[in-house]
Amino acid sequence: MMKLNVLTHGAKSEQARQLQAALNRRLRARDMEQYVVAEDGVVGVKTLESVHGVSNSVINGIGGLLHV
């Protein structure tokens, strides 16, 4: 069984940096530069807003960016 690593606000980790890098790749590929975040490994407000924005885009029909 896969171990679940929960990313919480204010946390800093390599998993958070990997999430930011993957998120940025998907955003740039879809011309959504306004949501790109720093790849610093910190789960901050900007990272959370970006994930939220991308998830809303999926719901609104862009699809394939992020499955939450």
PDB file of N, CA and C in Angstrom:
ATOM      1  N   MET A   1       0.844  -1.180   0.000  1.00  0.00           N
ATOM      2  CA  MET A   1       0.000   0.000   0.000  1.00  0.00           C
ATOM      3  C   MET A   1       0.889   1.242   0.000  1.00  0.00           C
ATOM      4  N   MET A   2       0.488   2.252  -0.765  1.00  0.00           N
ATOM      5  CA  MET A   2       1.243   3.484  -0.879  1.00  0.00           C
ATOM      6  C   MET A   2       1.077   4.344   0.372  1.00  0.00           C
ATOM      7  N   LYS A   3       2.186   4.885   0.865  1.00  0.00           N
ATOM      8  CA  LYS A   3       2.131   5.766   2.027  1.00  0.00           C
ATOM      9  C   LYS A   3       1.676   7.148   1.582  1.00  0.00           C
ATOM     10  N   LEU A   4       0.713   7.726   2.272  1.00  0.00           N
ATOM     11  CA  LEU A   4       0.178   9.034   1.964  1.00  0.00           C
ATOM     12  C   LEU A   4       0.959  10.102   2.716  1.00  0.00           C
ATOM     13  N   ASN A   5       1.525  11.056   1.987  1.00  0.00           N
ATOM     14  CA  ASN A   5       2.224  12.186   2.591  1.00  0.00           C
ATOM     15  C   ASN A   5       1.362  13.429   2.411  1.00  0.00           C
ATOM     16  N   VAL A   6       0.836  13.938   3.496  1.00  0.00           N
ATOM     17  CA  VAL A   6      -0.026  15.107   3.453  1.00  0.00           C
ATOM     18  C   VAL A   6       0.840  16.354   3.508  1.00  0.00           C
ATOM     19  N   LEU A   7       0.600  17.272   2.571  1.00  0.00           N
ATOM     20  CA  LEU A   7       1.309  18.546   2.553  1.00  0.00           C
ATOM     21  C   LEU A   7       0.438  19.581   3.237  1.00  0.00           C
ATOM     22  N   THR A   8       0.947  20.208   4.284  1.00  0.00           N
ATOM     23  CA  THR A   8       0.174  21.188   5.030  1.00  0.00           C
ATOM     24  C   THR A   8       0.760  22.582   4.863  1.00  0.00           C
ATOM     25  N   HIS A   9      -0.066  23.579   5.045  1.00  0.00           N
ATOM     26  CA  HIS A   9       0.358  24.970   4.912  1.00  0.00           C
ATOM     27  C   HIS A   9       1.543  25.259   5.837  1.00  0.00           C
ATOM     28  N   GLY A  10       2.570  25.850   5.285  1.00  0.00           N
ATOM     29  CA  GLY A  10       3.767  26.199   6.050  1.00  0.00           C
ATOM     30  C   GLY A  10       4.834  25.131   6.055  1.00  0.00           C
ATOM     31  N   ALA A  11       4.499  23.933   5.588  1.00  0.00           N
ATOM     32  CA  ALA A  11       5.467  22.833   5.579  1.00  0.00           C
ATOM     33  C   ALA A  11       6.482  23.037   4.461  1.00  0.00           C
ATOM     34  N   LYS A  12       7.689  22.533   4.667  1.00  0.00           N
ATOM     35  CA  LYS A  12       8.730  22.579   3.645  1.00  0.00           C
ATOM     36  C   LYS A  12       9.243  21.160   3.463  1.00  0.00           C
ATOM     37  N   SER A  13       9.252  20.710   2.186  1.00  0.00           N
ATOM     38  CA  SER A  13       9.696  19.351   1.913  1.00  0.00           C
ATOM     39  C   SER A  13      10.060  19.195   0.444  1.00  0.00           C
ATOM     40  N   GLU A  14      10.749  18.117   0.154  1.00  0.00           N
ATOM     41  CA  GLU A  14      11.080  17.788  -1.227  1.00  0.00           C
ATOM     42  C   GLU A  14       9.805  17.436  -2.001  1.00  0.00           C
ATOM     43  N   GLN A  15       8.844  16.796  -1.349  1.00  0.00           N
ATOM     44  CA  GLN A  15       7.575  16.467  -2.013  1.00  0.00           C
ATOM     45  C   GLN A  15       6.839  17.740  -2.432  1.00  0.00           C
ATOM     46  N   ALA A  16       6.890  18.764  -1.593  1.00  0.00           N
ATOM     47  CA  ALA A  16       6.250  20.034  -1.943  1.00  0.00           C
ATOM     48  C   ALA A  16       6.949  20.664  -3.143  1.00  0.00           C
ATOM     49  N   ARG A  17       8.267  20.614  -3.185  1.00  0.00           N
ATOM     50  CA  ARG A  17       9.008  21.164  -4.320  1.00  0.00           C
ATOM     51  C   ARG A  17       8.668  20.414  -5.598  1.00  0.00           C
ATOM     52  N   GLN A  18       8.549  19.086  -5.492  1.00  0.00           N
ATOM     53  CA  GLN A  18       8.186  18.285  -6.657  1.00  0.00           C
ATOM     54  C   GLN A  18       6.779  18.624  -7.142  1.00  0.00           C
ATOM     55  N   LEU A  19       5.862  18.838  -6.217  1.00  0.00           N
ATOM     56  CA  LEU A  19       4.506  19.252  -6.578  1.00  0.00           C
ATOM     57  C   LEU A  19       4.545  20.588  -7.311  1.00  0.00           C
ATOM     58  N   GLN A  20       5.310  21.542  -6.784  1.00  0.00           N
ATOM     59  CA  GLN A  20       5.410  22.860  -7.413  1.00  0.00           C
ATOM     60  C   GLN A  20       5.996  22.758  -8.818  1.00  0.00           C
ATOM     61  N   ALA A  21       7.025  21.950  -8.989  1.00  0.00           N
ATOM     62  CA  ALA A  21       7.655  21.791 -10.304  1.00  0.00           C
ATOM     63  C   ALA A  21       6.681  21.168 -11.298  1.00  0.00           C
ATOM     64  N   ALA A  22       5.969  20.136 -10.887  1.00  0.00           N
ATOM     65  CA  ALA A  22       5.000  19.476 -11.768  1.00  0.00           C
ATOM     66  C   ALA A  22       3.847  20.417 -12.104  1.00  0.00           C
ATOM     67  N   LEU A  23       3.381  21.131 -11.112  1.00  0.00           N
ATOM     68  CA  LEU A  23       2.303  22.092 -11.310  1.00  0.00           C
ATOM     69  C   LEU A  23       2.725  23.165 -12.310  1.00  0.00           C
ATOM     70  N   ASN A  24       3.929  23.697 -12.142  1.00  0.00           N
ATOM     71  CA  ASN A  24       4.424  24.741 -13.052  1.00  0.00           C
ATOM     72  C   ASN A  24       4.555  24.235 -14.491  1.00  0.00           C
ATOM     73  N   ARG A  25       5.018  23.003 -14.656  1.00  0.00           N
ATOM     74  CA  ARG A  25       5.106  22.430 -16.014  1.00  0.00           C
ATOM     75  C   ARG A  25       3.739  22.400 -16.677  1.00  0.00           C
ATOM     76  N   ARG A  26       2.754  21.957 -15.955  1.00  0.00           N
ATOM     77  CA  ARG A  26       1.404  21.872 -16.506  1.00  0.00           C
ATOM     78  C   ARG A  26       0.819  23.260 -16.780  1.00  0.00           C
ATOM     79  N   LEU A  27       1.067  24.187 -15.884  1.00  0.00           N
ATOM     80  CA  LEU A  27       0.565  25.544 -16.073  1.00  0.00           C
ATOM     81  C   LEU A  27       1.180  26.209 -17.298  1.00  0.00           C
ATOM     82  N   ARG A  28       2.495  26.084 -17.428  1.00  0.00           N
ATOM     83  CA  ARG A  28       3.180  26.702 -18.570  1.00  0.00           C
ATOM     84  C   ARG A  28       2.735  26.068 -19.893  1.00  0.00           C
ATOM     85  N   ALA A  29       2.484  24.784 -19.885  1.00  0.00           N
ATOM     86  CA  ALA A  29       2.042  24.089 -21.093  1.00  0.00           C
ATOM     87  C   ALA A  29       0.655  24.558 -21.536  1.00  0.00           C
ATOM     88  N   ARG A  30      -0.094  25.126 -20.616  1.00  0.00           N
ATOM     89  CA  ARG A  30      -1.459  25.563 -20.916  1.00  0.00           C
ATOM     90  C   ARG A  30      -1.607  27.081 -20.859  1.00  0.00           C
ATOM     91  N   ASP A  31      -0.478  27.803 -20.950  1.00  0.00           N
ATOM     92  CA  ASP A  31      -0.483  29.270 -20.942  1.00  0.00           C
ATOM     93  C   ASP A  31      -1.232  29.846 -19.747  1.00  0.00           C
ATOM     94  N   MET A  32      -0.987  29.273 -18.576  1.00  0.00           N
ATOM     95  CA  MET A  32      -1.606  29.759 -17.343  1.00  0.00           C
ATOM     96  C   MET A  32      -0.522  30.307 -16.411  1.00  0.00           C
ATOM     97  N   GLU A  33       0.318  31.181 -16.953  1.00  0.00           N
ATOM     98  CA  GLU A  33       1.462  31.729 -16.216  1.00  0.00           C
ATOM     99  C   GLU A  33       1.058  32.445 -14.930  1.00  0.00           C
ATOM    100  N   GLN A  34      -0.152  32.956 -14.859  1.00  0.00           N
ATOM    101  CA  GLN A  34      -0.570  33.693 -13.663  1.00  0.00           C
ATOM    102  C   GLN A  34      -0.601  32.821 -12.412  1.00  0.00           C
ATOM    103  N   TYR A  35      -0.602  31.498 -12.588  1.00  0.00           N
ATOM    104  CA  TYR A  35      -0.627  30.584 -11.448  1.00  0.00           C
ATOM    105  C   TYR A  35       0.729  29.975 -11.103  1.00  0.00           C
ATOM    106  N   VAL A  36       1.782  30.257 -11.877  1.00  0.00           N
ATOM    107  CA  VAL A  36       3.101  29.668 -11.637  1.00  0.00           C
ATOM    108  C   VAL A  36       3.618  30.113 -10.269  1.00  0.00           C
ATOM    109  N   VAL A  37       4.238  29.175  -9.541  1.00  0.00           N
ATOM    110  CA  VAL A  37       4.730  29.440  -8.185  1.00  0.00           C
ATOM    111  C   VAL A  37       6.236  29.202  -8.100  1.00  0.00           C
ATOM    112  N   ALA A  38       6.844  29.759  -7.061  1.00  0.00           N
ATOM    113  CA  ALA A  38       8.261  29.507  -6.789  1.00  0.00           C
ATOM    114  C   ALA A  38       8.430  28.040  -6.410  1.00  0.00           C
ATOM    115  N   GLU A  39       9.489  27.434  -6.904  1.00  0.00           N
ATOM    116  CA  GLU A  39       9.767  26.028  -6.589  1.00  0.00           C
ATOM    117  C   GLU A  39      10.725  25.966  -5.408  1.00  0.00           C
ATOM    118  N   ASP A  40      10.229  26.428  -4.252  1.00  0.00           N
ATOM    119  CA  ASP A  40      11.054  26.517  -3.050  1.00  0.00           C
ATOM    120  C   ASP A  40      10.766  25.423  -2.027  1.00  0.00           C
ATOM    121  N   GLY A  41       9.783  24.584  -2.313  1.00  0.00           N
ATOM    122  CA  GLY A  41       9.458  23.489  -1.402  1.00  0.00           C
ATOM    123  C   GLY A  41       8.607  23.873  -0.218  1.00  0.00           C
ATOM    124  N   VAL A  42       8.155  25.124  -0.175  1.00  0.00           N
ATOM    125  CA  VAL A  42       7.319  25.585   0.932  1.00  0.00           C
ATOM    126  C   VAL A  42       5.875  25.639   0.465  1.00  0.00           C
ATOM    127  N   VAL A  43       4.988  25.015   1.220  1.00  0.00           N
ATOM    128  CA  VAL A  43       3.564  25.044   0.897  1.00  0.00           C
ATOM    129  C   VAL A  43       2.992  26.322   1.506  1.00  0.00           C
ATOM    130  N   GLY A  44       2.981  27.366   0.686  1.00  0.00           N
ATOM    131  CA  GLY A  44       2.480  28.660   1.136  1.00  0.00           C
ATOM    132  C   GLY A  44       1.179  29.023   0.463  1.00  0.00           C
ATOM    133  N   VAL A  45       0.750  30.241   0.702  1.00  0.00           N
ATOM    134  CA  VAL A  45      -0.513  30.720   0.153  1.00  0.00           C
ATOM    135  C   VAL A  45      -0.510  30.646  -1.370  1.00  0.00           C
ATOM    136  N   LYS A  46       0.573  31.074  -2.009  1.00  0.00           N
ATOM    137  CA  LYS A  46       0.640  31.080  -3.475  1.00  0.00           C
ATOM    138  C   LYS A  46       0.506  29.655  -4.035  1.00  0.00           C
ATOM    139  N   THR A  47       1.171  28.689  -3.414  1.00  0.00           N
ATOM    140  CA  THR A  47       1.066  27.294  -3.862  1.00  0.00           C
ATOM    141  C   THR A  47      -0.366  26.797  -3.715  1.00  0.00           C
ATOM    142  N   LEU A  48      -0.984  27.075  -2.579  1.00  0.00           N
ATOM    143  CA  LEU A  48      -2.356  26.630  -2.352  1.00  0.00           C
ATOM    144  C   LEU A  48      -3.328  27.300  -3.322  1.00  0.00           C
ATOM    145  N   GLU A  49      -3.140  28.602  -3.574  1.00  0.00           N
ATOM    146  CA  GLU A  49      -3.994  29.303  -4.530  1.00  0.00           C
ATOM    147  C   GLU A  49      -3.824  28.734  -5.939  1.00  0.00           C
ATOM    148  N   SER A  50      -2.598  28.402  -6.294  1.00  0.00           N
ATOM    149  CA  SER A  50      -2.334  27.851  -7.618  1.00  0.00           C
ATOM    150  C   SER A  50      -3.005  26.498  -7.791  1.00  0.00           C
ATOM    151  N   VAL A  51      -2.865  25.628  -6.805  1.00  0.00           N
ATOM    152  CA  VAL A  51      -3.521  24.313  -6.866  1.00  0.00           C
ATOM    153  C   VAL A  51      -5.029  24.498  -6.960  1.00  0.00           C
ATOM    154  N   HIS A  52      -5.559  25.429  -6.182  1.00  0.00           N
ATOM    155  CA  HIS A  52      -6.992  25.701  -6.209  1.00  0.00           C
ATOM    156  C   HIS A  52      -7.413  26.219  -7.591  1.00  0.00           C
ATOM    157  N   GLY A  53      -6.642  27.139  -8.158  1.00  0.00           N
ATOM    158  CA  GLY A  53      -6.956  27.680  -9.479  1.00  0.00           C
ATOM    159  C   GLY A  53      -6.937  26.613 -10.552  1.00  0.00           C
ATOM    160  N   VAL A  54      -5.956  25.735 -10.479  1.00  0.00           N
ATOM    161  CA  VAL A  54      -5.867  24.659 -11.464  1.00  0.00           C
ATOM    162  C   VAL A  54      -7.024  23.689 -11.289  1.00  0.00           C
ATOM    163  N   SER A  55      -7.362  23.367 -10.068  1.00  0.00           N
ATOM    164  CA  SER A  55      -8.472  22.433  -9.855  1.00  0.00           C
ATOM    165  C   SER A  55      -9.780  23.042 -10.355  1.00  0.00           C
ATOM    166  N   ASN A  56      -9.950  24.352 -10.201  1.00  0.00           N
ATOM    167  CA  ASN A  56     -11.146  25.010 -10.750  1.00  0.00           C
ATOM    168  C   ASN A  56     -11.146  24.953 -12.265  1.00  0.00           C
ATOM    169  N   SER A  57      -9.980  25.074 -12.882  1.00  0.00           N
ATOM    170  CA  SER A  57      -9.887  24.987 -14.338  1.00  0.00           C
ATOM    171  C   SER A  57     -10.301  23.612 -14.825  1.00  0.00           C
ATOM    172  N   VAL A  58      -9.934  22.590 -14.081  1.00  0.00           N
ATOM    173  CA  VAL A  58     -10.321  21.224 -14.438  1.00  0.00           C
ATOM    174  C   VAL A  58     -11.836  21.099 -14.376  1.00  0.00           C
ATOM    175  N   ILE A  59     -12.407  21.619 -13.316  1.00  0.00           N
ATOM    176  CA  ILE A  59     -13.856  21.548 -13.150  1.00  0.00           C
ATOM    177  C   ILE A  59     -14.559  22.322 -14.264  1.00  0.00           C
ATOM    178  N   ASN A  60     -13.945  23.413 -14.708  1.00  0.00           N
ATOM    179  CA  ASN A  60     -14.563  24.257 -15.739  1.00  0.00           C
ATOM    180  C   ASN A  60     -14.255  23.787 -17.150  1.00  0.00           C
ATOM    181  N   GLY A  61     -13.630  22.632 -17.325  1.00  0.00           N
ATOM    182  CA  GLY A  61     -13.535  22.057 -18.641  1.00  0.00           C
ATOM    183  C   GLY A  61     -12.169  21.994 -19.295  1.00  0.00           C
ATOM    184  N   ILE A  62     -11.120  22.528 -18.668  1.00  0.00           N
ATOM    185  CA  ILE A  62      -9.811  22.417 -19.294  1.00  0.00           C
ATOM    186  C   ILE A  62      -9.361  20.963 -19.233  1.00  0.00           C
ATOM    187  N   GLY A  63      -9.548  20.319 -18.114  1.00  0.00           N
ATOM    188  CA  GLY A  63      -9.267  18.894 -17.954  1.00  0.00           C
ATOM    189  C   GLY A  63      -7.802  18.510 -18.029  1.00  0.00           C
ATOM    190  N   GLY A  64      -7.436  17.443 -17.339  1.00  0.00           N
ATOM    191  CA  GLY A  64      -6.118  16.851 -17.437  1.00  0.00           C
ATOM    192  C   GLY A  64      -4.998  17.546 -16.694  1.00  0.00           C
ATOM    193  N   LEU A  65      -5.234  18.669 -16.049  1.00  0.00           N
ATOM    194  CA  LEU A  65      -4.160  19.370 -15.355  1.00  0.00           C
ATOM    195  C   LEU A  65      -3.805  18.709 -14.039  1.00  0.00           C
ATOM    196  N   LEU A  66      -4.798  18.498 -13.228  1.00  0.00           N
ATOM    197  CA  LEU A  66      -4.566  17.984 -11.889  1.00  0.00           C
ATOM    198  C   LEU A  66      -5.826  17.297 -11.420  1.00  0.00           C
ATOM    199  N   HIS A  67      -5.703  16.114 -10.942  1.00  0.00           N
ATOM    200  CA  HIS A  67      -6.854  15.388 -10.433  1.00  0.00           C
ATOM    201  C   HIS A  67      -6.835  15.465  -8.919  1.00  0.00           C
ATOM    202  N   VAL A  68      -7.806  16.149  -8.357  1.00  0.00           N
ATOM    203  CA  VAL A  68      -7.893  16.316  -6.902  1.00  0.00           C
ATOM    204  C   VAL A  68      -9.144  15.671  -6.380  1.00  0.00           C
TER     205      VAL A  68
END
